[in-house]
Amino acid sequence: MAENAAGRFLTIARILRPQGRKGEVAAEILTDFPARFQQLRSVFLEVSGQDPKPVELEDAWPHKGRIILKFSGIDSIDSASSLRGLQVFVPWEQRAPLPPHHYYLCELHGCRVVWERRGQEIGTVTEVESTGGVDVLHVKRPDGKSEVLIPLAQEICTRIDLAAQTIVIDPPEELLDLNS
């Protein structure tokens, strides 16, 4: 799930195209909790350059690895076509609870990365890259001129403290040298 609108929303889907003749749309699922669509009665849609706009969700059902969404007031192929490419959001407060040692990637942005064993600050997380495997932290060095890539693996990122905005790492000696 991606964070949007100054941290107030989470992206849960991206509208791909119209689906059917009554205004339904097919959307790419961007949440690890697709069952949430069954309980949603309203969501927010992005409006370029503005805060997301609330819309009523009449129905939602899975279809061939996508989610089909039917919004109130969208009743034709033409009106559904106008939604193509829009992101579907829920308020941050409606995020699904995660089990221990799991985090929303957007929560890691801005965390300090510290190599505790060496007592060395590595830098600050500027981006978390999803790779399809192990996610990668992009960490800007304190000098602000260079960046280090650190796998977000439990063996390397040994402790994440969101309250303190700190990620403690214990990487193999050569990992940081690879980034130099």
Protein backbone atom coordinates (compact mmCIF):
# COMPACT_ATOMS: atom_id res chain seq x y z
CA MET A 1 0.00 0.00 0.00
CA ALA A 2 1.26 3.40 -0.87
CA GLU A 3 0.88 6.49 1.22
CA ASN A 4 -0.63 9.63 -0.30
CA ALA A 5 -1.93 13.12 0.48
CA ALA A 6 0.59 14.03 3.18
CA GLY A 7 0.25 10.67 4.90
CA ARG A 8 -3.51 10.84 5.39
CA PHE A 9 -4.46 8.09 2.91
CA LEU A 10 -3.35 4.64 1.75
CA THR A 11 -3.64 3.56 -1.85
CA ILE A 12 -5.50 0.24 -2.10
CA ALA A 13 -6.19 0.01 -5.85
CA ARG A 14 -5.55 1.63 -9.24
CA ILE A 15 -8.37 1.79 -11.78
CA LEU A 16 -7.37 0.14 -15.05
CA ARG A 17 -10.40 0.29 -17.33
CA PRO A 18 -14.19 0.06 -17.59
CA GLN A 19 -15.61 -3.42 -16.97
CA GLY A 20 -19.11 -4.12 -18.22
CA ARG A 21 -21.79 -1.70 -19.39
CA LYS A 22 -23.17 -0.29 -16.14
CA GLY A 23 -20.22 1.81 -14.99
CA GLU A 24 -18.14 -0.85 -13.28
CA VAL A 25 -14.35 -0.60 -13.41
CA ALA A 26 -11.59 -3.19 -13.16
CA ALA A 27 -8.83 -2.19 -10.75
CA GLU A 28 -5.39 -3.48 -9.86
CA ILE A 29 -5.32 -4.54 -6.21
CA LEU A 30 -2.58 -2.67 -4.31
CA THR A 31 -3.33 -3.95 -0.81
CA ASP A 32 -2.25 -7.09 0.98
CA PHE A 33 -5.79 -7.24 2.38
CA PRO A 34 -8.14 -7.56 -0.64
CA ALA A 35 -10.98 -8.87 1.53
CA ARG A 36 -11.33 -5.31 2.84
CA PHE A 37 -13.17 -4.33 -0.36
CA GLN A 38 -16.19 -6.40 0.75
CA GLN A 39 -16.67 -4.21 3.86
CA LEU A 40 -15.99 -0.81 2.29
CA ARG A 41 -18.95 1.48 1.65
CA SER A 42 -16.96 4.54 0.66
CA VAL A 43 -13.48 5.22 -0.65
CA PHE A 44 -11.59 8.23 -1.96
CA LEU A 45 -10.47 8.87 -5.54
CA GLU A 46 -7.57 11.08 -6.50
CA VAL A 47 -8.38 14.36 -8.15
CA SER A 48 -5.33 15.87 -9.82
CA GLY A 49 -3.80 18.62 -7.72
CA GLN A 50 -6.48 18.34 -5.02
CA ASP A 51 -7.21 16.23 -1.97
CA PRO A 52 -8.82 12.87 -2.74
CA LYS A 53 -12.60 13.06 -3.19
CA PRO A 54 -14.97 10.71 -1.29
CA VAL A 55 -17.16 8.41 -3.38
CA GLU A 56 -19.73 5.81 -2.40
CA LEU A 57 -18.80 2.23 -3.27
CA GLU A 58 -21.96 0.31 -4.23
CA ASP A 59 -20.31 -3.05 -4.80
CA ALA A 60 -16.95 -4.79 -5.15
CA TRP A 61 -16.04 -8.32 -6.20
CA PRO A 62 -12.90 -10.16 -7.27
CA HIS A 63 -12.50 -11.16 -10.91
CA LYS A 64 -9.44 -12.77 -12.55
CA GLY A 65 -6.89 -11.35 -10.09
CA ARG A 66 -8.42 -7.87 -10.14
CA ILE A 67 -11.17 -6.17 -8.16
CA ILE A 68 -14.30 -4.94 -9.93
CA LEU A 69 -15.67 -1.76 -8.36
CA LYS A 70 -19.06 -0.12 -8.84
CA PHE A 71 -19.23 3.51 -7.70
CA SER A 72 -22.44 5.43 -7.06
CA GLY A 73 -23.18 7.88 -9.89
CA ILE A 74 -20.95 6.07 -12.41
CA ASP A 75 -23.50 4.30 -14.61
CA SER A 76 -22.04 4.08 -18.12
CA ILE A 77 -18.93 2.96 -19.96
CA ASP A 78 -18.12 6.61 -20.77
CA SER A 79 -18.30 7.75 -17.15
CA ALA A 80 -16.27 4.68 -16.06
CA SER A 81 -13.65 5.50 -18.73
CA SER A 82 -13.07 8.89 -17.11
CA LEU A 83 -11.80 7.08 -13.99
CA ARG A 84 -9.04 5.20 -15.85
CA GLY A 85 -5.69 5.51 -14.04
CA LEU A 86 -7.09 6.99 -10.82
CA GLN A 87 -5.90 5.71 -7.45
CA VAL A 88 -8.41 4.39 -4.90
CA PHE A 89 -7.64 5.41 -1.29
CA VAL A 90 -8.83 4.74 2.24
CA PRO A 91 -8.06 7.05 5.17
CA TRP A 92 -4.86 6.18 7.05
CA GLU A 93 -6.96 5.46 10.16
CA GLN A 94 -8.68 2.61 8.28
CA ARG A 95 -5.44 0.76 7.56
CA ALA A 96 -5.52 -2.93 8.41
CA PRO A 97 -3.68 -3.86 11.60
CA LEU A 98 -0.42 -5.70 10.97
CA PRO A 99 1.09 -8.57 12.91
CA PRO A 100 4.23 -7.94 14.99
CA HIS A 101 7.40 -7.19 12.97
CA HIS A 102 5.41 -6.11 9.92
CA TYR A 103 5.26 -2.48 8.80
CA TYR A 104 3.69 -0.31 6.18
CA LEU A 105 6.57 0.64 3.93
CA CYS A 106 5.55 4.30 4.01
CA GLU A 107 6.15 4.27 7.78
CA LEU A 108 9.85 3.61 7.18
CA HIS A 109 10.42 6.86 5.23
CA GLY A 110 12.48 9.26 7.31
CA CYS A 111 13.75 6.59 9.71
CA ARG A 112 17.38 6.85 10.79
CA VAL A 113 19.44 3.76 9.94
CA VAL A 114 22.04 2.86 12.57
CA TRP A 115 24.72 0.16 12.55
CA GLU A 116 24.57 -0.55 16.27
CA ARG A 117 27.61 -2.84 16.47
CA ARG A 118 29.81 -0.09 15.05
CA GLY A 119 27.93 2.78 16.68
CA GLN A 120 27.64 4.37 13.24
CA GLU A 121 24.73 6.27 11.73
CA ILE A 122 24.36 5.15 8.11
CA GLY A 123 21.77 7.73 7.07
CA THR A 124 18.03 8.32 6.58
CA VAL A 125 15.54 6.25 4.56
CA THR A 126 14.38 8.25 1.54
CA GLU A 127 12.58 5.48 -0.34
CA VAL A 128 11.57 1.85 -0.01
CA GLU A 129 11.78 0.02 -3.32
CA SER A 130 9.56 -3.00 -3.88
CA THR A 131 11.48 -5.53 -5.95
CA GLY A 132 9.09 -8.45 -6.03
CA GLY A 133 11.41 -10.18 -3.56
CA VAL A 134 13.11 -8.50 -0.64
CA ASP A 135 12.30 -4.78 -0.52
CA VAL A 136 15.28 -2.40 -0.59
CA LEU A 137 15.82 0.66 1.60
CA HIS A 138 17.33 3.69 -0.15
CA VAL A 139 19.34 5.41 2.57
CA LYS A 140 20.81 8.88 2.10
CA ARG A 141 24.18 9.20 3.82
CA PRO A 142 24.64 11.99 6.41
CA ASP A 143 26.84 13.89 3.91
CA GLY A 144 23.76 14.12 1.67
CA LYS A 145 25.84 13.28 -1.40
CA SER A 146 25.62 9.50 -1.55
CA GLU A 147 23.06 6.76 -1.11
CA VAL A 148 23.29 3.23 0.28
CA LEU A 149 20.96 0.39 -0.68
CA ILE A 150 20.09 -1.96 2.17
CA PRO A 151 17.88 -5.05 1.83
CA LEU A 152 14.89 -4.92 4.16
CA ALA A 153 15.60 -8.43 5.43
CA GLN A 154 15.15 -9.40 9.07
CA GLU A 155 18.69 -10.81 9.15
CA ILE A 156 20.05 -7.33 8.25
CA CYS A 157 17.43 -4.97 9.70
CA THR A 158 17.42 -6.49 13.15
CA ARG A 159 15.18 -3.96 14.91
CA ILE A 160 12.68 -1.40 13.69
CA ASP A 161 11.42 1.14 16.21
CA LEU A 162 8.78 3.31 14.57
CA ALA A 163 8.27 5.40 17.71
CA ALA A 164 11.96 6.36 17.69
CA GLN A 165 12.05 6.46 13.86
CA THR A 166 15.10 4.14 13.91
CA ILE A 167 16.12 1.03 12.01
CA VAL A 168 19.00 -0.90 13.55
CA ILE A 169 21.04 -2.94 11.08
CA ASP A 170 23.66 -5.66 11.37
CA PRO A 171 24.80 -6.11 7.76
CA PRO A 172 27.54 -8.32 6.39
CA GLU A 173 30.81 -6.32 6.43
CA GLU A 174 30.96 -6.04 2.64
CA LEU A 175 27.35 -4.86 2.10
CA LEU A 176 28.01 -1.17 2.62
CA ASP A 177 31.24 -1.39 0.60
CA LEU A 178 29.23 -2.62 -2.39
CA ASN A 179 27.37 0.68 -2.41
CA SER A 180 30.50 2.86 -2.34
